[in-house]
N, C-alpha and C. Protein backbone atom coordinates (compact mmCIF):
# COMPACT_ATOMS: atom_id res chain seq x y z
N UNK A 1 0.81 -1.21 0.00
CA UNK A 1 0.00 0.00 0.00
C UNK A 1 0.85 1.26 0.00
N UNK A 2 2.01 1.24 0.65
CA UNK A 2 2.83 2.44 0.72
C UNK A 2 3.69 2.62 -0.53
N UNK A 3 3.77 1.60 -1.38
CA UNK A 3 4.58 1.72 -2.59
C UNK A 3 6.06 1.63 -2.31
N UNK A 4 6.87 1.66 -3.34
CA UNK A 4 8.31 1.47 -3.18
C UNK A 4 9.00 2.62 -2.46
N UNK A 5 8.38 3.79 -2.41
CA UNK A 5 9.03 4.93 -1.76
C UNK A 5 8.53 5.14 -0.33
N UNK A 6 7.54 4.37 0.08
CA UNK A 6 7.01 4.49 1.44
C UNK A 6 7.77 3.58 2.39
N UNK A 7 7.44 3.69 3.66
CA UNK A 7 8.11 2.88 4.68
C UNK A 7 7.09 2.43 5.71
N UNK A 8 7.26 1.21 6.18
CA UNK A 8 6.44 0.65 7.24
C UNK A 8 7.34 0.26 8.41
N UNK A 9 6.97 0.70 9.60
CA UNK A 9 7.71 0.35 10.81
C UNK A 9 6.75 -0.34 11.77
N UNK A 10 7.12 -1.53 12.19
CA UNK A 10 6.34 -2.26 13.18
C UNK A 10 7.08 -2.30 14.50
N UNK A 11 6.34 -2.35 15.60
CA UNK A 11 6.95 -2.41 16.93
C UNK A 11 6.22 -3.43 17.78
N UNK A 12 6.97 -4.16 18.57
CA UNK A 12 6.39 -5.12 19.49
C UNK A 12 7.27 -5.21 20.72
N UNK A 13 6.63 -5.32 21.89
CA UNK A 13 7.42 -5.40 23.12
C UNK A 13 8.15 -6.71 23.27
N UNK A 14 7.73 -7.74 22.52
CA UNK A 14 8.38 -9.05 22.58
C UNK A 14 9.45 -9.14 21.52
N UNK A 15 10.69 -9.38 21.94
CA UNK A 15 11.80 -9.48 21.00
C UNK A 15 11.57 -10.59 19.99
N UNK A 16 11.03 -11.72 20.44
CA UNK A 16 10.82 -12.86 19.54
C UNK A 16 9.85 -12.50 18.42
N UNK A 17 8.81 -11.72 18.74
CA UNK A 17 7.84 -11.33 17.72
C UNK A 17 8.49 -10.43 16.68
N UNK A 18 9.27 -9.46 17.14
CA UNK A 18 9.95 -8.57 16.20
C UNK A 18 10.93 -9.34 15.32
N UNK A 19 11.60 -10.33 15.89
CA UNK A 19 12.55 -11.13 15.12
C UNK A 19 11.84 -11.99 14.07
N UNK A 20 10.71 -12.60 14.45
CA UNK A 20 9.96 -13.41 13.49
C UNK A 20 9.44 -12.55 12.34
N UNK A 21 8.92 -11.37 12.69
CA UNK A 21 8.39 -10.48 11.65
C UNK A 21 9.50 -10.01 10.72
N UNK A 22 10.66 -9.72 11.27
CA UNK A 22 11.80 -9.31 10.45
C UNK A 22 12.20 -10.42 9.48
N UNK A 23 12.23 -11.64 9.97
CA UNK A 23 12.59 -12.78 9.12
C UNK A 23 11.58 -12.96 7.99
N UNK A 24 10.30 -12.77 8.28
CA UNK A 24 9.27 -12.91 7.24
C UNK A 24 9.41 -11.82 6.19
N UNK A 25 9.69 -10.59 6.63
CA UNK A 25 9.86 -9.49 5.69
C UNK A 25 11.07 -9.72 4.80
N UNK A 26 12.15 -10.21 5.39
CA UNK A 26 13.35 -10.49 4.61
C UNK A 26 13.11 -11.61 3.61
N UNK A 27 12.35 -12.61 4.01
CA UNK A 27 12.05 -13.73 3.11
C UNK A 27 11.25 -13.27 1.90
N UNK A 28 10.46 -12.21 2.07
CA UNK A 28 9.67 -11.67 0.97
C UNK A 28 10.36 -10.49 0.28
N UNK A 29 11.61 -10.25 0.67
CA UNK A 29 12.42 -9.17 0.09
C UNK A 29 11.73 -7.81 0.21
N UNK A 30 11.10 -7.57 1.37
CA UNK A 30 10.46 -6.29 1.64
C UNK A 30 11.48 -5.38 2.32
N UNK A 31 12.13 -4.56 1.54
CA UNK A 31 13.24 -3.77 2.06
C UNK A 31 12.80 -2.47 2.72
N UNK A 32 11.54 -2.09 2.54
CA UNK A 32 11.06 -0.86 3.16
C UNK A 32 10.17 -1.14 4.37
N UNK A 33 10.33 -2.33 4.95
CA UNK A 33 9.58 -2.74 6.14
C UNK A 33 10.59 -3.14 7.21
N UNK A 34 10.45 -2.59 8.40
CA UNK A 34 11.34 -3.00 9.49
C UNK A 34 10.55 -3.09 10.79
N UNK A 35 11.07 -3.89 11.72
CA UNK A 35 10.40 -4.14 12.99
C UNK A 35 11.34 -3.85 14.14
N UNK A 36 10.82 -3.18 15.15
CA UNK A 36 11.61 -2.77 16.30
C UNK A 36 11.06 -3.40 17.57
N UNK A 37 11.93 -3.71 18.49
CA UNK A 37 11.51 -4.19 19.80
C UNK A 37 11.28 -2.99 20.70
N UNK A 38 10.10 -2.94 21.33
CA UNK A 38 9.82 -1.84 22.24
C UNK A 38 8.34 -1.50 22.28
N UNK A 39 7.99 -0.63 23.20
CA UNK A 39 6.62 -0.17 23.36
C UNK A 39 6.46 1.09 22.52
N UNK A 40 5.64 1.07 21.47
CA UNK A 40 5.53 2.24 20.60
C UNK A 40 4.97 3.48 21.30
N UNK A 41 4.28 3.28 22.42
CA UNK A 41 3.77 4.46 23.15
C UNK A 41 4.91 5.21 23.84
N UNK A 42 6.07 4.56 23.97
CA UNK A 42 7.20 5.18 24.66
C UNK A 42 8.36 5.48 23.71
N UNK A 43 8.20 5.18 22.43
CA UNK A 43 9.27 5.35 21.46
C UNK A 43 9.13 6.70 20.74
N UNK A 44 10.22 7.15 20.15
CA UNK A 44 10.23 8.38 19.37
C UNK A 44 10.42 8.05 17.89
N UNK A 45 9.64 8.72 17.04
CA UNK A 45 9.74 8.51 15.60
C UNK A 45 9.77 9.87 14.90
N UNK A 46 10.48 9.94 13.81
CA UNK A 46 10.55 11.17 13.04
C UNK A 46 10.84 10.81 11.58
N UNK A 47 10.06 11.31 10.64
CA UNK A 47 8.93 12.25 10.77
C UNK A 47 7.66 11.52 11.21
N UNK A 48 6.54 12.26 11.38
CA UNK A 48 5.29 11.61 11.78
C UNK A 48 4.76 10.69 10.68
N UNK A 49 3.97 9.74 11.09
CA UNK A 49 3.42 8.74 10.16
C UNK A 49 2.14 9.22 9.50
N UNK A 50 1.85 8.63 8.34
CA UNK A 50 0.56 8.85 7.69
C UNK A 50 -0.54 8.07 8.41
N UNK A 51 -0.17 6.98 9.06
CA UNK A 51 -1.16 6.15 9.76
C UNK A 51 -0.49 5.36 10.86
N UNK A 52 -1.22 5.16 11.94
CA UNK A 52 -0.83 4.23 13.00
C UNK A 52 -1.91 3.15 13.06
N UNK A 53 -1.50 1.91 12.95
CA UNK A 53 -2.44 0.80 12.86
C UNK A 53 -2.06 -0.26 13.89
N UNK A 54 -3.03 -0.74 14.65
CA UNK A 54 -2.78 -1.79 15.63
C UNK A 54 -3.89 -2.82 15.60
N UNK A 55 -3.51 -4.08 15.75
CA UNK A 55 -4.49 -5.17 15.77
C UNK A 55 -4.23 -6.02 17.00
N UNK A 56 -5.22 -6.11 17.88
CA UNK A 56 -5.09 -6.85 19.13
C UNK A 56 -3.92 -6.32 19.93
N UNK A 57 -3.84 -5.01 20.04
CA UNK A 57 -2.77 -4.33 20.74
C UNK A 57 -3.30 -3.63 22.00
N UNK A 58 -4.33 -2.83 21.84
CA UNK A 58 -4.84 -2.03 22.96
C UNK A 58 -5.36 -2.90 24.09
N UNK A 59 -5.78 -4.12 23.78
CA UNK A 59 -6.34 -5.00 24.80
C UNK A 59 -5.31 -5.34 25.88
N UNK A 60 -4.02 -5.12 25.60
CA UNK A 60 -2.97 -5.44 26.56
C UNK A 60 -2.48 -4.22 27.33
N UNK A 61 -3.01 -3.04 27.03
CA UNK A 61 -2.61 -1.85 27.76
C UNK A 61 -3.54 -1.62 28.95
N UNK A 62 -2.99 -1.32 30.13
CA UNK A 62 -3.85 -1.05 31.29
C UNK A 62 -4.71 0.19 31.10
N UNK A 63 -4.24 1.14 30.27
CA UNK A 63 -5.00 2.36 30.00
C UNK A 63 -5.04 2.58 28.49
N UNK A 64 -6.03 1.98 27.80
CA UNK A 64 -6.09 2.11 26.34
C UNK A 64 -6.24 3.55 25.86
N UNK A 65 -6.92 4.38 26.63
CA UNK A 65 -7.10 5.79 26.24
C UNK A 65 -5.74 6.48 26.17
N UNK A 66 -4.94 6.31 27.20
CA UNK A 66 -3.61 6.92 27.21
C UNK A 66 -2.76 6.38 26.08
N UNK A 67 -2.88 5.08 25.79
CA UNK A 67 -2.10 4.48 24.70
C UNK A 67 -2.48 5.09 23.36
N UNK A 68 -3.77 5.25 23.10
CA UNK A 68 -4.21 5.84 21.84
C UNK A 68 -3.77 7.30 21.74
N UNK A 69 -3.87 8.02 22.83
CA UNK A 69 -3.45 9.42 22.84
C UNK A 69 -1.96 9.53 22.49
N UNK A 70 -1.15 8.68 23.09
CA UNK A 70 0.29 8.71 22.83
C UNK A 70 0.60 8.30 21.38
N UNK A 71 -0.07 7.25 20.91
CA UNK A 71 0.18 6.78 19.56
C UNK A 71 -0.30 7.77 18.52
N UNK A 72 -1.40 8.46 18.80
CA UNK A 72 -1.88 9.49 17.87
C UNK A 72 -0.87 10.62 17.74
N UNK A 73 -0.04 10.79 18.77
CA UNK A 73 1.00 11.80 18.70
C UNK A 73 2.05 11.52 17.64
N UNK A 74 2.11 10.28 17.15
CA UNK A 74 3.06 9.91 16.09
C UNK A 74 2.48 10.14 14.69
N UNK A 75 1.23 10.61 14.61
CA UNK A 75 0.54 10.72 13.33
C UNK A 75 0.45 12.18 12.89
N UNK A 76 0.67 12.42 11.61
CA UNK A 76 0.57 13.78 11.07
C UNK A 76 -0.88 14.24 11.06
N UNK A 77 -1.08 15.53 10.97
CA UNK A 77 -2.43 16.07 10.83
C UNK A 77 -3.06 15.52 9.56
N UNK A 78 -4.29 15.04 9.67
CA UNK A 78 -4.96 14.42 8.54
C UNK A 78 -4.66 12.94 8.37
N UNK A 79 -3.77 12.41 9.22
CA UNK A 79 -3.43 10.99 9.16
C UNK A 79 -4.49 10.12 9.84
N UNK A 80 -4.31 8.82 9.72
CA UNK A 80 -5.30 7.87 10.22
C UNK A 80 -4.82 7.16 11.47
N UNK A 81 -5.77 6.91 12.38
CA UNK A 81 -5.54 6.06 13.54
C UNK A 81 -6.53 4.90 13.42
N UNK A 82 -6.02 3.68 13.37
CA UNK A 82 -6.86 2.51 13.10
C UNK A 82 -6.51 1.40 14.09
N UNK A 83 -7.52 0.85 14.75
CA UNK A 83 -7.30 -0.27 15.65
C UNK A 83 -8.39 -1.31 15.46
N UNK A 84 -8.02 -2.56 15.68
CA UNK A 84 -8.96 -3.67 15.62
C UNK A 84 -8.74 -4.53 16.87
N UNK A 85 -9.84 -4.77 17.59
CA UNK A 85 -9.74 -5.49 18.86
C UNK A 85 -10.85 -6.54 18.97
N UNK A 86 -10.63 -7.49 19.87
CA UNK A 86 -11.58 -8.59 20.09
C UNK A 86 -12.88 -8.14 20.75
N UNK A 87 -13.94 -8.85 20.42
CA UNK A 87 -15.15 -8.91 21.24
C UNK A 87 -15.56 -10.38 21.26
N UNK A 88 -15.22 -11.05 22.34
CA UNK A 88 -15.44 -12.50 22.41
C UNK A 88 -16.80 -12.85 23.02
N UNK A 89 -17.48 -11.86 23.56
CA UNK A 89 -18.69 -12.13 24.36
C UNK A 89 -19.75 -12.91 23.59
N UNK A 90 -19.87 -12.68 22.28
CA UNK A 90 -20.97 -13.28 21.54
C UNK A 90 -20.61 -14.57 20.81
N UNK A 91 -19.38 -15.05 20.96
CA UNK A 91 -19.00 -16.31 20.32
C UNK A 91 -19.83 -17.45 20.94
N UNK A 92 -20.50 -18.22 20.09
CA UNK A 92 -21.40 -19.26 20.63
C UNK A 92 -21.78 -20.24 19.53
N UNK A 93 -22.51 -21.26 19.93
CA UNK A 93 -22.98 -22.27 18.98
C UNK A 93 -24.47 -22.51 19.18
N UNK A 94 -25.12 -22.97 18.10
CA UNK A 94 -26.55 -23.30 18.16
C UNK A 94 -26.83 -24.44 17.19
N UNK A 95 -27.36 -25.58 17.65
CA UNK A 95 -27.52 -25.92 19.06
C UNK A 95 -26.15 -26.01 19.74
N UNK A 96 -26.17 -26.05 21.05
CA UNK A 96 -24.94 -26.01 21.81
C UNK A 96 -24.00 -27.14 21.41
N UNK A 97 -22.78 -26.75 21.02
CA UNK A 97 -21.73 -27.71 20.66
C UNK A 97 -20.72 -27.72 21.80
N UNK A 98 -20.72 -28.75 22.65
CA UNK A 98 -19.90 -28.73 23.86
C UNK A 98 -18.42 -28.48 23.62
N UNK A 99 -17.83 -29.07 22.58
CA UNK A 99 -16.40 -28.88 22.34
C UNK A 99 -16.11 -27.43 21.96
N UNK A 100 -16.93 -26.85 21.10
CA UNK A 100 -16.76 -25.45 20.71
C UNK A 100 -16.90 -24.54 21.93
N UNK A 101 -17.95 -24.74 22.70
CA UNK A 101 -18.20 -23.88 23.86
C UNK A 101 -17.07 -24.00 24.89
N UNK A 102 -16.57 -25.22 25.10
CA UNK A 102 -15.51 -25.43 26.07
C UNK A 102 -14.24 -24.69 25.65
N UNK A 103 -13.90 -24.74 24.38
CA UNK A 103 -12.67 -24.09 23.92
C UNK A 103 -12.81 -22.57 23.88
N UNK A 104 -13.99 -22.08 23.59
CA UNK A 104 -14.22 -20.63 23.67
C UNK A 104 -14.05 -20.18 25.12
N UNK A 105 -14.55 -20.96 26.06
CA UNK A 105 -14.39 -20.62 27.48
C UNK A 105 -12.92 -20.62 27.87
N UNK A 106 -12.16 -21.60 27.40
CA UNK A 106 -10.74 -21.66 27.71
C UNK A 106 -9.99 -20.48 27.09
N UNK A 107 -10.38 -20.09 25.88
CA UNK A 107 -9.76 -18.93 25.24
C UNK A 107 -10.00 -17.67 26.07
N UNK A 108 -11.23 -17.48 26.53
CA UNK A 108 -11.55 -16.32 27.36
C UNK A 108 -10.73 -16.32 28.64
N UNK A 109 -10.64 -17.49 29.28
CA UNK A 109 -9.88 -17.58 30.52
C UNK A 109 -8.40 -17.31 30.30
N UNK A 110 -7.86 -17.85 29.20
CA UNK A 110 -6.44 -17.66 28.92
C UNK A 110 -6.11 -16.20 28.63
N UNK A 111 -6.94 -15.55 27.84
CA UNK A 111 -6.72 -14.13 27.57
C UNK A 111 -6.85 -13.31 28.85
N UNK A 112 -7.83 -13.68 29.66
CA UNK A 112 -7.98 -12.99 30.94
C UNK A 112 -6.77 -13.16 31.83
N UNK A 113 -6.16 -14.34 31.77
CA UNK A 113 -4.97 -14.61 32.59
C UNK A 113 -3.78 -13.77 32.16
N UNK A 114 -3.77 -13.33 30.90
CA UNK A 114 -2.68 -12.46 30.43
C UNK A 114 -2.95 -10.99 30.72
N UNK A 115 -4.14 -10.70 31.25
CA UNK A 115 -4.51 -9.31 31.51
C UNK A 115 -5.22 -8.65 30.35
N UNK A 116 -5.49 -9.40 29.28
CA UNK A 116 -6.14 -8.83 28.11
C UNK A 116 -7.62 -8.54 28.36
N UNK A 117 -8.11 -7.50 27.75
CA UNK A 117 -9.53 -7.13 27.82
C UNK A 117 -10.22 -7.71 26.60
N UNK A 118 -11.03 -8.74 26.82
CA UNK A 118 -11.57 -9.52 25.71
C UNK A 118 -12.79 -8.89 25.05
N UNK A 119 -13.26 -7.77 25.55
CA UNK A 119 -14.39 -7.08 24.92
C UNK A 119 -14.04 -5.64 24.59
N UNK A 120 -12.75 -5.37 24.42
CA UNK A 120 -12.33 -3.99 24.17
C UNK A 120 -12.86 -3.45 22.85
N UNK A 121 -13.15 -4.34 21.90
CA UNK A 121 -13.69 -3.87 20.63
C UNK A 121 -14.88 -2.95 20.79
N UNK A 122 -15.78 -3.30 21.71
CA UNK A 122 -16.97 -2.48 21.94
C UNK A 122 -16.65 -1.15 22.62
N UNK A 123 -15.47 -1.05 23.21
CA UNK A 123 -15.08 0.18 23.89
C UNK A 123 -14.34 1.16 22.98
N UNK A 124 -14.04 0.76 21.75
CA UNK A 124 -13.18 1.57 20.91
C UNK A 124 -13.74 2.96 20.65
N UNK A 125 -15.05 3.08 20.50
CA UNK A 125 -15.62 4.42 20.26
C UNK A 125 -15.30 5.34 21.43
N UNK A 126 -15.59 4.90 22.63
CA UNK A 126 -15.34 5.74 23.79
C UNK A 126 -13.85 5.97 24.01
N UNK A 127 -13.02 4.99 23.67
CA UNK A 127 -11.56 5.14 23.81
C UNK A 127 -11.06 6.23 22.88
N UNK A 128 -11.49 6.21 21.64
CA UNK A 128 -11.05 7.22 20.67
C UNK A 128 -11.47 8.62 21.12
N UNK A 129 -12.73 8.74 21.51
CA UNK A 129 -13.25 10.06 21.90
C UNK A 129 -12.53 10.57 23.14
N UNK A 130 -12.33 9.69 24.13
CA UNK A 130 -11.63 10.10 25.35
C UNK A 130 -10.18 10.49 25.08
N UNK A 131 -9.61 9.94 24.01
CA UNK A 131 -8.23 10.26 23.64
C UNK A 131 -8.13 11.55 22.84
N UNK A 132 -9.28 12.19 22.59
CA UNK A 132 -9.29 13.46 21.88
C UNK A 132 -9.43 13.35 20.37
N UNK A 133 -9.82 12.17 19.89
CA UNK A 133 -10.00 11.96 18.46
C UNK A 133 -11.48 12.07 18.08
N UNK A 134 -11.78 12.35 16.81
CA UNK A 134 -13.18 12.31 16.38
C UNK A 134 -13.75 10.92 16.58
N UNK A 135 -15.04 10.84 16.80
CA UNK A 135 -15.69 9.54 16.93
C UNK A 135 -15.39 8.68 15.71
N UNK A 136 -14.93 7.46 15.90
CA UNK A 136 -14.46 6.65 14.77
C UNK A 136 -15.59 6.01 13.97
N UNK A 137 -15.29 5.70 12.74
CA UNK A 137 -16.10 4.77 11.96
C UNK A 137 -15.77 3.37 12.46
N UNK A 138 -16.78 2.50 12.53
CA UNK A 138 -16.53 1.18 13.10
C UNK A 138 -17.19 0.09 12.25
N UNK A 139 -16.63 -1.12 12.36
CA UNK A 139 -17.25 -2.29 11.75
C UNK A 139 -16.87 -3.52 12.56
N UNK A 140 -17.70 -4.54 12.44
CA UNK A 140 -17.44 -5.80 13.14
C UNK A 140 -17.35 -6.92 12.13
N UNK A 141 -16.38 -7.81 12.31
CA UNK A 141 -16.22 -8.97 11.45
C UNK A 141 -16.16 -10.23 12.31
N UNK A 142 -16.92 -11.23 11.91
CA UNK A 142 -16.90 -12.52 12.58
C UNK A 142 -17.22 -13.60 11.56
N UNK A 143 -16.81 -14.80 11.87
CA UNK A 143 -17.13 -15.94 11.02
C UNK A 143 -18.35 -16.65 11.58
N UNK A 144 -19.32 -16.91 10.71
CA UNK A 144 -20.52 -17.63 11.15
C UNK A 144 -20.89 -18.64 10.08
N UNK A 145 -21.28 -19.82 10.53
CA UNK A 145 -21.68 -20.83 9.57
C UNK A 145 -21.72 -22.21 10.17
N UNK A 146 -22.10 -23.15 9.35
CA UNK A 146 -22.12 -24.55 9.73
C UNK A 146 -21.59 -25.36 8.57
N UNK A 147 -21.85 -26.64 8.59
CA UNK A 147 -21.37 -27.48 7.50
C UNK A 147 -19.89 -27.76 7.62
N UNK A 148 -19.37 -28.58 6.73
CA UNK A 148 -17.99 -29.06 6.86
C UNK A 148 -16.92 -28.02 6.53
N UNK A 149 -17.28 -26.95 5.84
CA UNK A 149 -16.26 -26.03 5.34
C UNK A 149 -16.24 -24.70 6.08
N UNK A 150 -16.93 -24.57 7.19
CA UNK A 150 -16.94 -23.31 7.93
C UNK A 150 -15.54 -23.00 8.47
N UNK A 151 -14.99 -21.81 8.16
CA UNK A 151 -13.62 -21.49 8.61
C UNK A 151 -13.51 -21.21 10.11
N UNK A 152 -14.63 -21.13 10.81
CA UNK A 152 -14.57 -20.85 12.25
C UNK A 152 -13.88 -21.98 13.01
N UNK A 153 -13.97 -23.21 12.53
CA UNK A 153 -13.31 -24.33 13.21
C UNK A 153 -11.79 -24.10 13.24
N UNK A 154 -11.25 -23.73 12.09
CA UNK A 154 -9.81 -23.50 11.99
C UNK A 154 -9.40 -22.32 12.86
N UNK A 155 -10.21 -21.27 12.86
CA UNK A 155 -9.89 -20.08 13.66
C UNK A 155 -9.81 -20.42 15.14
N UNK A 156 -10.81 -21.12 15.65
CA UNK A 156 -10.82 -21.47 17.08
C UNK A 156 -9.66 -22.41 17.40
N UNK A 157 -9.36 -23.33 16.51
CA UNK A 157 -8.24 -24.26 16.74
C UNK A 157 -6.91 -23.51 16.77
N UNK A 158 -6.74 -22.55 15.88
CA UNK A 158 -5.47 -21.81 15.82
C UNK A 158 -5.30 -20.89 17.02
N UNK A 159 -6.38 -20.22 17.43
CA UNK A 159 -6.30 -19.35 18.61
C UNK A 159 -6.01 -20.19 19.85
N UNK A 160 -6.66 -21.35 19.96
CA UNK A 160 -6.39 -22.25 21.08
C UNK A 160 -4.93 -22.69 21.09
N UNK A 161 -4.42 -23.04 19.92
CA UNK A 161 -3.02 -23.47 19.82
C UNK A 161 -2.07 -22.36 20.28
N UNK A 162 -2.35 -21.12 19.87
CA UNK A 162 -1.45 -20.02 20.23
C UNK A 162 -1.49 -19.74 21.73
N UNK A 163 -2.62 -20.04 22.37
CA UNK A 163 -2.78 -19.76 23.80
C UNK A 163 -2.49 -20.97 24.68
N UNK A 164 -2.12 -22.09 24.08
CA UNK A 164 -1.90 -23.31 24.85
C UNK A 164 -0.88 -23.13 25.97
N UNK A 165 0.27 -22.45 25.74
CA UNK A 165 1.22 -22.27 26.84
C UNK A 165 0.62 -21.54 28.04
N UNK A 166 -0.21 -20.54 27.76
CA UNK A 166 -0.88 -19.81 28.84
C UNK A 166 -1.89 -20.70 29.55
N UNK A 167 -2.63 -21.48 28.78
CA UNK A 167 -3.62 -22.38 29.37
C UNK A 167 -2.98 -23.37 30.32
N UNK A 168 -1.84 -23.92 29.92
CA UNK A 168 -1.16 -24.88 30.78
C UNK A 168 -0.54 -24.20 31.99
N UNK A 169 0.09 -23.06 31.79
CA UNK A 169 0.72 -22.36 32.90
C UNK A 169 -0.30 -21.92 33.93
N UNK A 170 -1.48 -21.51 33.46
CA UNK A 170 -2.54 -21.04 34.36
C UNK A 170 -3.44 -22.17 34.84
N UNK A 171 -3.12 -23.41 34.42
CA UNK A 171 -3.89 -24.60 34.81
C UNK A 171 -5.35 -24.50 34.37
N UNK A 172 -5.57 -23.91 33.21
CA UNK A 172 -6.90 -23.82 32.62
C UNK A 172 -7.24 -25.13 31.90
N UNK A 173 -6.28 -25.63 31.14
CA UNK A 173 -6.44 -26.89 30.41
C UNK A 173 -5.07 -27.43 30.07
N UNK A 174 -4.99 -28.73 29.85
CA UNK A 174 -3.72 -29.36 29.50
C UNK A 174 -3.68 -29.63 27.99
N UNK A 175 -2.46 -29.85 27.50
CA UNK A 175 -2.30 -30.18 26.09
C UNK A 175 -3.06 -31.46 25.73
N UNK A 176 -3.11 -32.41 26.67
CA UNK A 176 -3.83 -33.65 26.42
C UNK A 176 -5.33 -33.41 26.30
N UNK A 177 -5.87 -32.52 27.14
CA UNK A 177 -7.29 -32.20 27.07
C UNK A 177 -7.64 -31.52 25.75
N UNK A 178 -6.76 -30.66 25.30
CA UNK A 178 -7.03 -29.89 24.10
C UNK A 178 -6.80 -30.71 22.83
N UNK A 179 -5.70 -31.46 22.78
CA UNK A 179 -5.33 -32.27 21.63
C UNK A 179 -5.44 -31.44 20.35
N UNK A 180 -4.54 -30.47 20.22
CA UNK A 180 -4.59 -29.51 19.12
C UNK A 180 -4.62 -30.20 17.76
N UNK A 181 -3.91 -31.30 17.62
CA UNK A 181 -3.79 -31.95 16.32
C UNK A 181 -5.14 -32.39 15.74
N UNK A 182 -6.10 -32.71 16.63
CA UNK A 182 -7.40 -33.18 16.15
C UNK A 182 -8.53 -32.19 16.43
N UNK A 183 -8.19 -31.02 16.98
CA UNK A 183 -9.23 -30.10 17.45
C UNK A 183 -10.13 -29.62 16.32
N UNK A 184 -9.53 -29.17 15.23
CA UNK A 184 -10.35 -28.65 14.13
C UNK A 184 -11.34 -29.71 13.65
N UNK A 185 -10.89 -30.95 13.51
CA UNK A 185 -11.76 -32.01 13.02
C UNK A 185 -12.87 -32.31 14.02
N UNK A 186 -12.54 -32.31 15.30
CA UNK A 186 -13.56 -32.59 16.31
C UNK A 186 -14.61 -31.49 16.37
N UNK A 187 -14.19 -30.24 16.25
CA UNK A 187 -15.14 -29.13 16.20
C UNK A 187 -16.07 -29.29 14.99
N UNK A 188 -15.47 -29.57 13.85
CA UNK A 188 -16.24 -29.74 12.61
C UNK A 188 -17.24 -30.88 12.73
N UNK A 189 -16.78 -32.03 13.20
CA UNK A 189 -17.64 -33.21 13.25
C UNK A 189 -18.82 -32.98 14.19
N UNK A 190 -18.56 -32.33 15.32
CA UNK A 190 -19.62 -32.10 16.30
C UNK A 190 -20.69 -31.17 15.75
N UNK A 191 -20.28 -30.09 15.11
CA UNK A 191 -21.25 -29.13 14.58
C UNK A 191 -22.01 -29.71 13.39
N UNK A 192 -21.30 -30.40 12.51
CA UNK A 192 -21.96 -30.99 11.35
C UNK A 192 -22.97 -32.05 11.78
N UNK A 193 -22.61 -32.88 12.76
CA UNK A 193 -23.53 -33.92 13.22
C UNK A 193 -24.82 -33.34 13.78
N UNK A 194 -24.72 -32.16 14.40
CA UNK A 194 -25.90 -31.52 14.99
C UNK A 194 -26.61 -30.58 14.01
N UNK A 195 -26.08 -30.49 12.78
CA UNK A 195 -26.59 -29.54 11.80
C UNK A 195 -26.64 -28.13 12.40
N UNK A 196 -25.58 -27.82 13.12
CA UNK A 196 -25.54 -26.58 13.87
C UNK A 196 -24.83 -25.44 13.17
N UNK A 197 -24.73 -24.35 13.89
CA UNK A 197 -24.07 -23.13 13.43
C UNK A 197 -23.17 -22.63 14.56
N UNK A 198 -22.00 -22.11 14.20
CA UNK A 198 -21.11 -21.50 15.20
C UNK A 198 -20.80 -20.07 14.79
N UNK A 199 -20.61 -19.24 15.80
CA UNK A 199 -20.23 -17.84 15.61
C UNK A 199 -18.88 -17.64 16.28
N UNK A 200 -17.89 -17.22 15.52
CA UNK A 200 -16.54 -17.07 16.06
C UNK A 200 -16.42 -15.81 16.90
N UNK A 201 -15.34 -15.69 17.69
CA UNK A 201 -15.05 -14.40 18.32
C UNK A 201 -14.99 -13.31 17.26
N UNK A 202 -15.53 -12.14 17.58
CA UNK A 202 -15.59 -11.05 16.62
C UNK A 202 -14.37 -10.15 16.74
N UNK A 203 -14.03 -9.51 15.64
CA UNK A 203 -13.04 -8.45 15.62
C UNK A 203 -13.76 -7.15 15.26
N UNK A 204 -13.61 -6.15 16.11
CA UNK A 204 -14.23 -4.86 15.86
C UNK A 204 -13.13 -3.85 15.52
N UNK A 205 -13.29 -3.21 14.38
CA UNK A 205 -12.34 -2.22 13.93
C UNK A 205 -12.89 -0.81 14.09
N UNK A 206 -11.99 0.13 14.34
CA UNK A 206 -12.38 1.54 14.47
C UNK A 206 -11.28 2.39 13.83
N UNK A 207 -11.68 3.42 13.08
CA UNK A 207 -10.67 4.29 12.48
C UNK A 207 -11.19 5.72 12.45
N UNK A 208 -10.22 6.62 12.62
CA UNK A 208 -10.54 8.05 12.70
C UNK A 208 -9.38 8.85 12.11
N UNK A 209 -9.67 10.08 11.75
CA UNK A 209 -8.66 10.98 11.20
C UNK A 209 -8.22 11.99 12.24
N UNK A 210 -6.92 12.19 12.35
CA UNK A 210 -6.39 13.17 13.28
C UNK A 210 -6.60 14.57 12.70
N UNK A 211 -7.32 15.39 13.42
CA UNK A 211 -7.66 16.71 12.91
C UNK A 211 -6.56 17.73 13.15
N UNK A 212 -5.84 17.58 14.26
CA UNK A 212 -4.78 18.56 14.54
C UNK A 212 -3.73 17.95 15.46
């Protein structure tokens, strides 16, 4: 999107994440993309950016309003501030699919154990306004469906896999209970057998323009 003359800078507080992202960019020969280790709310950048974009970032800040206010300080006048955050509250199945419901519950518990706010997506409007930005445009995206090809099974399995270390450390569930290798298939088989429908955790996006 930025073209050959533009630049993209990513930041993450986890060194391993920045290193993995750097390796992926290098593998794709993206020479105008770089990743830094650190908290972007505490870093200095020059010149200001055309846009600041975060996905599943604000949910880990104890004060999302302060984080948005600081990050907006890195954006030029007329630039964009864009964030996308979880809203897990409405993830469910109909009729009730025990395996799906159990893993959604474990996901909520695991995210809670990390200090993440699992319904921050719904707070984004008030967060933007409190940070001094115009009320944002918003949208919600979620996967819903049934049958053998619904992508929600894969999504829940992948999120569970990524949170497995937290689940085990917090004694929420064990690797044996989860059995990641067969989870997607078990979710699929259960929902298909019941001719059911599942609704995945939602992602709510919000974006606004910096006026001054």
